[in-house]
Every structure is written in C-alpha cells, then in structure tokens.
Amino acid sequence: MKHKLAGLPVIVSDVGGPRDLVQHGRDGFITKALDAGELAEAIGRLTEDPKLRERMGGLARGRVETRDWSEAFEKFWHASP
C-alpha cells in the first residue's frame, strides 16, 4: 500500500526547524512564537477560507512529496546559523 500524504497547510512557530520548511502565505503560515493572537488569526484564515486551505494544502503536499530523511538531514546539517 502506497503512503498517502495528507496535503494540508501547516502553521508553525518562527522558532525552531519547521519554519525552514514552510513558505509563509504560500503553503502554510509562520507565526510569532508564543503569540496566541497571531496563531488564532492563522487558524481562523484556514478554517474560514476553504479555497485558501485547498490551494495551500496542494502546494504543501507538492513540496514534501519528493523529500526523504536523507535530504532533510543534509539540509539541516549544512544549514548556516
């Protein structure tokens, strides 16, 4: 059975590694760490706009379809501080 990717946009914090995997406003949202208002706004945008959610989800899926753990490790290992 082939693994099926969900194809959902994500909301991540601007602190930590996941922010490097998201293009803000394109395939997800990057919110300011510990800012509950900004997080709530991003959640609201995705829940209230099905077309935005579908478009962003499709783009998010496209970005990760070809990724593998080796590629992710290499990108992490060679990242500049």
PDB file of N, CA and C in Angstrom:
ATOM      1  N   MET A   1       0.846  -1.184   0.000  1.00  0.00           N
ATOM      2  CA  MET A   1       0.000   0.000   0.000  1.00  0.00           C
ATOM      3  C   MET A   1       0.889   1.244   0.000  1.00  0.00           C
ATOM      4  N   LYS A   2       0.645   2.143  -0.927  1.00  0.00           N
ATOM      5  CA  LYS A   2       1.426   3.362  -1.030  1.00  0.00           C
ATOM      6  C   LYS A   2       0.978   4.349   0.044  1.00  0.00           C
ATOM      7  N   HIS A   3       1.956   5.010   0.659  1.00  0.00           N
ATOM      8  CA  HIS A   3       1.660   6.007   1.688  1.00  0.00           C
ATOM      9  C   HIS A   3       1.007   7.224   1.053  1.00  0.00           C
ATOM     10  N   LYS A   4      -0.080   7.668   1.600  1.00  0.00           N
ATOM     11  CA  LYS A   4      -0.779   8.836   1.080  1.00  0.00           C
ATOM     12  C   LYS A   4      -0.480  10.041   1.969  1.00  0.00           C
ATOM     13  N   LEU A   5      -0.061  11.128   1.363  1.00  0.00           N
ATOM     14  CA  LEU A   5       0.206  12.364   2.090  1.00  0.00           C
ATOM     15  C   LEU A   5      -1.095  13.134   2.252  1.00  0.00           C
ATOM     16  N   ALA A   6      -1.240  13.806   3.367  1.00  0.00           N
ATOM     17  CA  ALA A   6      -2.488  14.491   3.668  1.00  0.00           C
ATOM     18  C   ALA A   6      -2.724  15.717   2.804  1.00  0.00           C
ATOM     19  N   GLY A   7      -1.698  16.477   2.511  1.00  0.00           N
ATOM     20  CA  GLY A   7      -1.875  17.681   1.708  1.00  0.00           C
ATOM     21  C   GLY A   7      -2.573  18.786   2.457  1.00  0.00           C
ATOM     22  N   LEU A   8      -2.136  19.035   3.666  1.00  0.00           N
ATOM     23  CA  LEU A   8      -2.722  20.099   4.479  1.00  0.00           C
ATOM     24  C   LEU A   8      -1.717  21.217   4.711  1.00  0.00           C
ATOM     25  N   PRO A   9      -2.182  22.471   4.716  1.00  0.00           N
ATOM     26  CA  PRO A   9      -1.280  23.554   5.077  1.00  0.00           C
ATOM     27  C   PRO A   9      -0.959  23.450   6.567  1.00  0.00           C
ATOM     28  N   VAL A  10       0.164  24.014   6.966  1.00  0.00           N
ATOM     29  CA  VAL A  10       0.558  23.942   8.366  1.00  0.00           C
ATOM     30  C   VAL A  10       0.740  25.338   8.947  1.00  0.00           C
ATOM     31  N   ILE A  11       0.699  25.384  10.253  1.00  0.00           N
ATOM     32  CA  ILE A  11       1.001  26.613  10.990  1.00  0.00           C
ATOM     33  C   ILE A  11       2.139  26.263  11.928  1.00  0.00           C
ATOM     34  N   VAL A  12       3.261  26.967  11.796  1.00  0.00           N
ATOM     35  CA  VAL A  12       4.427  26.698  12.624  1.00  0.00           C
ATOM     36  C   VAL A  12       4.880  27.983  13.301  1.00  0.00           C
ATOM     37  N   SER A  13       5.711  27.820  14.299  1.00  0.00           N
ATOM     38  CA  SER A  13       6.301  28.947  15.021  1.00  0.00           C
ATOM     39  C   SER A  13       7.534  29.444  14.274  1.00  0.00           C
ATOM     40  N   ASP A  14       7.889  30.691  14.498  1.00  0.00           N
ATOM     41  CA  ASP A  14       9.108  31.245  13.897  1.00  0.00           C
ATOM     42  C   ASP A  14      10.362  30.838  14.667  1.00  0.00           C
ATOM     43  N   VAL A  15      10.207  29.941  15.629  1.00  0.00           N
ATOM     44  CA  VAL A  15      11.340  29.427  16.397  1.00  0.00           C
ATOM     45  C   VAL A  15      11.466  27.932  16.112  1.00  0.00           C
ATOM     46  N   GLY A  16      12.647  27.506  15.750  1.00  0.00           N
ATOM     47  CA  GLY A  16      12.874  26.086  15.506  1.00  0.00           C
ATOM     48  C   GLY A  16      12.901  25.729  14.037  1.00  0.00           C
ATOM     49  N   GLY A  17      13.179  24.470  13.771  1.00  0.00           N
ATOM     50  CA  GLY A  17      13.378  23.969  12.422  1.00  0.00           C
ATOM     51  C   GLY A  17      12.202  23.996  11.482  1.00  0.00           C
ATOM     52  N   PRO A  18      10.974  23.730  11.931  1.00  0.00           N
ATOM     53  CA  PRO A  18       9.859  23.672  10.983  1.00  0.00           C
ATOM     54  C   PRO A  18       9.669  24.935  10.157  1.00  0.00           C
ATOM     55  N   ARG A  19      10.066  26.071  10.682  1.00  0.00           N
ATOM     56  CA  ARG A  19       9.882  27.318   9.921  1.00  0.00           C
ATOM     57  C   ARG A  19      10.646  27.292   8.603  1.00  0.00           C
ATOM     58  N   ASP A  20      11.729  26.514   8.557  1.00  0.00           N
ATOM     59  CA  ASP A  20      12.522  26.413   7.337  1.00  0.00           C
ATOM     60  C   ASP A  20      11.845  25.574   6.262  1.00  0.00           C
ATOM     61  N   LEU A  21      10.792  24.874   6.621  1.00  0.00           N
ATOM     62  CA  LEU A  21      10.090  24.005   5.682  1.00  0.00           C
ATOM     63  C   LEU A  21       8.823  24.639   5.127  1.00  0.00           C
ATOM     64  N   VAL A  22       8.492  25.840   5.593  1.00  0.00           N
ATOM     65  CA  VAL A  22       7.238  26.485   5.212  1.00  0.00           C
ATOM     66  C   VAL A  22       7.519  27.811   4.515  1.00  0.00           C
ATOM     67  N   GLN A  23       6.810  28.055   3.424  1.00  0.00           N
ATOM     68  CA  GLN A  23       6.862  29.350   2.764  1.00  0.00           C
ATOM     69  C   GLN A  23       5.620  30.112   3.222  1.00  0.00           C
ATOM     70  N   HIS A  24       5.832  31.085   4.099  1.00  0.00           N
ATOM     71  CA  HIS A  24       4.730  31.812   4.719  1.00  0.00           C
ATOM     72  C   HIS A  24       3.765  32.375   3.679  1.00  0.00           C
ATOM     73  N   GLY A  25       2.489  32.052   3.870  1.00  0.00           N
ATOM     74  CA  GLY A  25       1.449  32.546   2.981  1.00  0.00           C
ATOM     75  C   GLY A  25       1.303  31.759   1.694  1.00  0.00           C
ATOM     76  N   ARG A  26       2.222  30.841   1.437  1.00  0.00           N
ATOM     77  CA  ARG A  26       2.154  30.035   0.220  1.00  0.00           C
ATOM     78  C   ARG A  26       1.670  28.627   0.528  1.00  0.00           C
ATOM     79  N   ASP A  27       2.362  27.920   1.433  1.00  0.00           N
ATOM     80  CA  ASP A  27       1.955  26.545   1.762  1.00  0.00           C
ATOM     81  C   ASP A  27       1.679  26.369   3.250  1.00  0.00           C
ATOM     82  N   GLY A  28       1.647  27.462   3.968  1.00  0.00           N
ATOM     83  CA  GLY A  28       1.359  27.446   5.397  1.00  0.00           C
ATOM     84  C   GLY A  28       1.597  28.828   5.982  1.00  0.00           C
ATOM     85  N   PHE A  29       1.543  28.899   7.291  1.00  0.00           N
ATOM     86  CA  PHE A  29       1.784  30.165   7.974  1.00  0.00           C
ATOM     87  C   PHE A  29       2.864  29.995   9.030  1.00  0.00           C
ATOM     88  N   ILE A  30       3.718  30.991   9.142  1.00  0.00           N
ATOM     89  CA  ILE A  30       4.721  31.047  10.206  1.00  0.00           C
ATOM     90  C   ILE A  30       4.280  32.155  11.149  1.00  0.00           C
ATOM     91  N   THR A  31       4.022  31.788  12.392  1.00  0.00           N
ATOM     92  CA  THR A  31       3.553  32.766  13.374  1.00  0.00           C
ATOM     93  C   THR A  31       4.638  33.062  14.399  1.00  0.00           C
ATOM     94  N   LYS A  32       4.525  34.222  15.025  1.00  0.00           N
ATOM     95  CA  LYS A  32       5.480  34.602  16.049  1.00  0.00           C
ATOM     96  C   LYS A  32       5.326  33.670  17.252  1.00  0.00           C
ATOM     97  N   ALA A  33       6.445  33.178  17.762  1.00  0.00           N
ATOM     98  CA  ALA A  33       6.420  32.259  18.911  1.00  0.00           C
ATOM     99  C   ALA A  33       5.674  32.877  20.080  1.00  0.00           C
ATOM    100  N   LEU A  34       4.838  32.084  20.713  1.00  0.00           N
ATOM    101  CA  LEU A  34       4.082  32.446  21.912  1.00  0.00           C
ATOM    102  C   LEU A  34       3.068  33.566  21.685  1.00  0.00           C
ATOM    103  N   ASP A  35       2.743  33.877  20.435  1.00  0.00           N
ATOM    104  CA  ASP A  35       1.754  34.909  20.136  1.00  0.00           C
ATOM    105  C   ASP A  35       0.420  34.228  19.828  1.00  0.00           C
ATOM    106  N   ALA A  36      -0.404  34.090  20.856  1.00  0.00           N
ATOM    107  CA  ALA A  36      -1.676  33.382  20.714  1.00  0.00           C
ATOM    108  C   ALA A  36      -2.609  34.074  19.716  1.00  0.00           C
ATOM    109  N   GLY A  37      -2.553  35.385  19.658  1.00  0.00           N
ATOM    110  CA  GLY A  37      -3.400  36.117  18.721  1.00  0.00           C
ATOM    111  C   GLY A  37      -3.037  35.832  17.275  1.00  0.00           C
ATOM    112  N   GLU A  38      -1.755  35.790  16.996  1.00  0.00           N
ATOM    113  CA  GLU A  38      -1.300  35.502  15.634  1.00  0.00           C
ATOM    114  C   GLU A  38      -1.638  34.063  15.248  1.00  0.00           C
ATOM    115  N   LEU A  39      -1.475  33.150  16.194  1.00  0.00           N
ATOM    116  CA  LEU A  39      -1.835  31.754  15.948  1.00  0.00           C
ATOM    117  C   LEU A  39      -3.336  31.635  15.667  1.00  0.00           C
ATOM    118  N   ALA A  40      -4.145  32.298  16.479  1.00  0.00           N
ATOM    119  CA  ALA A  40      -5.598  32.251  16.292  1.00  0.00           C
ATOM    120  C   ALA A  40      -6.000  32.838  14.939  1.00  0.00           C
ATOM    121  N   GLU A  41      -5.326  33.897  14.518  1.00  0.00           N
ATOM    122  CA  GLU A  41      -5.624  34.510  13.223  1.00  0.00           C
ATOM    123  C   GLU A  41      -5.311  33.531  12.080  1.00  0.00           C
ATOM    124  N   ALA A  42      -4.175  32.850  12.163  1.00  0.00           N
ATOM    125  CA  ALA A  42      -3.806  31.883  11.123  1.00  0.00           C
ATOM    126  C   ALA A  42      -4.808  30.731  11.082  1.00  0.00           C
ATOM    127  N   ILE A  43      -5.188  30.234  12.238  1.00  0.00           N
ATOM    128  CA  ILE A  43      -6.187  29.159  12.302  1.00  0.00           C
ATOM    129  C   ILE A  43      -7.500  29.641  11.688  1.00  0.00           C
ATOM    130  N   GLY A  44      -7.897  30.840  12.038  1.00  0.00           N
ATOM    131  CA  GLY A  44      -9.137  31.402  11.507  1.00  0.00           C
ATOM    132  C   GLY A  44      -9.120  31.522   9.995  1.00  0.00           C
ATOM    133  N   ARG A  45      -8.009  31.984   9.449  1.00  0.00           N
ATOM    134  CA  ARG A  45      -7.908  32.129   7.991  1.00  0.00           C
ATOM    135  C   ARG A  45      -8.078  30.785   7.295  1.00  0.00           C
ATOM    136  N   LEU A  46      -7.457  29.753   7.842  1.00  0.00           N
ATOM    137  CA  LEU A  46      -7.547  28.432   7.206  1.00  0.00           C
ATOM    138  C   LEU A  46      -8.918  27.796   7.383  1.00  0.00           C
ATOM    139  N   THR A  47      -9.551  28.005   8.526  1.00  0.00           N
ATOM    140  CA  THR A  47     -10.858  27.384   8.743  1.00  0.00           C
ATOM    141  C   THR A  47     -11.971  28.119   8.004  1.00  0.00           C
ATOM    142  N   GLU A  48     -11.805  29.411   7.788  1.00  0.00           N
ATOM    143  CA  GLU A  48     -12.865  30.206   7.158  1.00  0.00           C
ATOM    144  C   GLU A  48     -12.757  30.299   5.635  1.00  0.00           C
ATOM    145  N   ASP A  49     -11.628  29.868   5.078  1.00  0.00           N
ATOM    146  CA  ASP A  49     -11.431  30.016   3.642  1.00  0.00           C
ATOM    147  C   ASP A  49     -11.032  28.669   3.023  1.00  0.00           C
ATOM    148  N   PRO A  50     -12.022  27.853   2.623  1.00  0.00           N
ATOM    149  CA  PRO A  50     -11.727  26.530   2.070  1.00  0.00           C
ATOM    150  C   PRO A  50     -10.844  26.572   0.825  1.00  0.00           C
ATOM    151  N   LYS A  51     -11.008  27.590  -0.023  1.00  0.00           N
ATOM    152  CA  LYS A  51     -10.182  27.683  -1.231  1.00  0.00           C
ATOM    153  C   LYS A  51      -8.723  27.952  -0.872  1.00  0.00           C
ATOM    154  N   LEU A  52      -8.481  28.810   0.092  1.00  0.00           N
ATOM    155  CA  LEU A  52      -7.126  29.080   0.556  1.00  0.00           C
ATOM    156  C   LEU A  52      -6.514  27.812   1.134  1.00  0.00           C
ATOM    157  N   ARG A  53      -7.277  27.130   1.963  1.00  0.00           N
ATOM    158  CA  ARG A  53      -6.818  25.890   2.595  1.00  0.00           C
ATOM    159  C   ARG A  53      -6.470  24.832   1.544  1.00  0.00           C
ATOM    160  N   GLU A  54      -7.311  24.699   0.535  1.00  0.00           N
ATOM    161  CA  GLU A  54      -7.065  23.710  -0.523  1.00  0.00           C
ATOM    162  C   GLU A  54      -5.835  24.076  -1.349  1.00  0.00           C
ATOM    163  N   ARG A  55      -5.725  25.349  -1.723  1.00  0.00           N
ATOM    164  CA  ARG A  55      -4.577  25.799  -2.520  1.00  0.00           C
ATOM    165  C   ARG A  55      -3.276  25.607  -1.750  1.00  0.00           C
ATOM    166  N   MET A  56      -3.258  26.076  -0.498  1.00  0.00           N
ATOM    167  CA  MET A  56      -2.055  25.951   0.320  1.00  0.00           C
ATOM    168  C   MET A  56      -1.725  24.486   0.596  1.00  0.00           C
ATOM    169  N   GLY A  57      -2.737  23.685   0.815  1.00  0.00           N
ATOM    170  CA  GLY A  57      -2.524  22.259   1.063  1.00  0.00           C
ATOM    171  C   GLY A  57      -1.901  21.558  -0.126  1.00  0.00           C
ATOM    172  N   GLY A  58      -2.365  21.897  -1.315  1.00  0.00           N
ATOM    173  CA  GLY A  58      -1.792  21.307  -2.522  1.00  0.00           C
ATOM    174  C   GLY A  58      -0.334  21.697  -2.706  1.00  0.00           C
ATOM    175  N   LEU A  59      -0.030  22.955  -2.442  1.00  0.00           N
ATOM    176  CA  LEU A  59       1.359  23.409  -2.541  1.00  0.00           C
ATOM    177  C   LEU A  59       2.234  22.757  -1.478  1.00  0.00           C
ATOM    178  N   ALA A  60       1.691  22.597  -0.281  1.00  0.00           N
ATOM    179  CA  ALA A  60       2.448  21.950   0.804  1.00  0.00           C
ATOM    180  C   ALA A  60       2.753  20.504   0.433  1.00  0.00           C
ATOM    181  N   ARG A  61       1.773  19.827  -0.084  1.00  0.00           N
ATOM    182  CA  ARG A  61       1.981  18.426  -0.481  1.00  0.00           C
ATOM    183  C   ARG A  61       3.046  18.329  -1.563  1.00  0.00           C
ATOM    184  N   GLY A  62       2.971  19.212  -2.534  1.00  0.00           N
ATOM    185  CA  GLY A  62       3.954  19.218  -3.610  1.00  0.00           C
ATOM    186  C   GLY A  62       5.378  19.422  -3.118  1.00  0.00           C
ATOM    187  N   ARG A  63       5.541  20.222  -2.083  1.00  0.00           N
ATOM    188  CA  ARG A  63       6.885  20.481  -1.544  1.00  0.00           C
ATOM    189  C   ARG A  63       7.473  19.271  -0.841  1.00  0.00           C
ATOM    190  N   VAL A  64       6.643  18.415  -0.266  1.00  0.00           N
ATOM    191  CA  VAL A  64       7.176  17.299   0.523  1.00  0.00           C
ATOM    192  C   VAL A  64       7.106  15.948  -0.181  1.00  0.00           C
ATOM    193  N   GLU A  65       6.438  15.868  -1.313  1.00  0.00           N
ATOM    194  CA  GLU A  65       6.296  14.575  -1.997  1.00  0.00           C
ATOM    195  C   GLU A  65       7.629  13.915  -2.317  1.00  0.00           C
ATOM    196  N   THR A  66       8.622  14.685  -2.669  1.00  0.00           N
ATOM    197  CA  THR A  66       9.906  14.110  -3.066  1.00  0.00           C
ATOM    198  C   THR A  66      10.943  14.131  -1.946  1.00  0.00           C
ATOM    199  N   ARG A  67      10.584  14.648  -0.795  1.00  0.00           N
ATOM    200  CA  ARG A  67      11.548  14.715   0.315  1.00  0.00           C
ATOM    201  C   ARG A  67      11.735  13.357   0.951  1.00  0.00           C
ATOM    202  N   ASP A  68      12.926  13.156   1.463  1.00  0.00           N
ATOM    203  CA  ASP A  68      13.196  11.958   2.244  1.00  0.00           C
ATOM    204  C   ASP A  68      14.079  12.356   3.430  1.00  0.00           C
ATOM    205  N   TRP A  69      14.267  11.443   4.357  1.00  0.00           N
ATOM    206  CA  TRP A  69      15.027  11.754   5.573  1.00  0.00           C
ATOM    207  C   TRP A  69      16.475  12.110   5.269  1.00  0.00           C
ATOM    208  N   SER A  70      17.068  11.496   4.257  1.00  0.00           N
ATOM    209  CA  SER A  70      18.458  11.807   3.898  1.00  0.00           C
ATOM    210  C   SER A  70      18.574  13.260   3.446  1.00  0.00           C
ATOM    211  N   GLU A  71      17.633  13.682   2.613  1.00  0.00           N
ATOM    212  CA  GLU A  71      17.638  15.064   2.132  1.00  0.00           C
ATOM    213  C   GLU A  71      17.422  16.039   3.283  1.00  0.00           C
ATOM    214  N   ALA A  72      16.478  15.720   4.160  1.00  0.00           N
ATOM    215  CA  ALA A  72      16.208  16.585   5.311  1.00  0.00           C
ATOM    216  C   ALA A  72      17.435  16.701   6.202  1.00  0.00           C
ATOM    217  N   PHE A  73      18.127  15.588   6.433  1.00  0.00           N
ATOM    218  CA  PHE A  73      19.329  15.613   7.260  1.00  0.00           C
ATOM    219  C   PHE A  73      20.408  16.475   6.613  1.00  0.00           C
ATOM    220  N   GLU A  74      20.634  16.288   5.320  1.00  0.00           N
ATOM    221  CA  GLU A  74      21.659  17.066   4.618  1.00  0.00           C
ATOM    222  C   GLU A  74      21.355  18.563   4.701  1.00  0.00           C
ATOM    223  N   LYS A  75      20.112  18.925   4.493  1.00  0.00           N
ATOM    224  CA  LYS A  75      19.727  20.338   4.567  1.00  0.00           C
ATOM    225  C   LYS A  75      19.968  20.880   5.975  1.00  0.00           C
ATOM    226  N   PHE A  76      19.607  20.115   6.991  1.00  0.00           N
ATOM    227  CA  PHE A  76      19.816  20.522   8.381  1.00  0.00           C
ATOM    228  C   PHE A  76      21.315  20.643   8.676  1.00  0.00           C
ATOM    229  N   TRP A  77      22.073  19.640   8.290  1.00  0.00           N
ATOM    230  CA  TRP A  77      23.495  19.559   8.629  1.00  0.00           C
ATOM    231  C   TRP A  77      24.285  20.700   8.008  1.00  0.00           C
ATOM    232  N   HIS A  78      23.910  21.108   6.808  1.00  0.00           N
ATOM    233  CA  HIS A  78      24.667  22.122   6.088  1.00  0.00           C
ATOM    234  C   HIS A  78      24.057  23.522   6.194  1.00  0.00           C
ATOM    235  N   ALA A  79      23.063  23.672   7.028  1.00  0.00           N
ATOM    236  CA  ALA A  79      22.416  24.976   7.194  1.00  0.00           C
ATOM    237  C   ALA A  79      23.352  25.943   7.898  1.00  0.00           C
ATOM    238  N   SER A  80      23.299  27.174   7.481  1.00  0.00           N
ATOM    239  CA  SER A  80      24.099  28.212   8.136  1.00  0.00           C
ATOM    240  C   SER A  80      23.380  28.706   9.378  1.00  0.00           C
ATOM    241  N   PRO A  81      24.111  29.008  10.429  1.00  0.00           N
ATOM    242  CA  PRO A  81      23.462  29.529  11.650  1.00  0.00           C
ATOM    243  C   PRO A  81      22.940  30.935  11.478  1.00  0.00           C
TER     244      PRO A  81
END
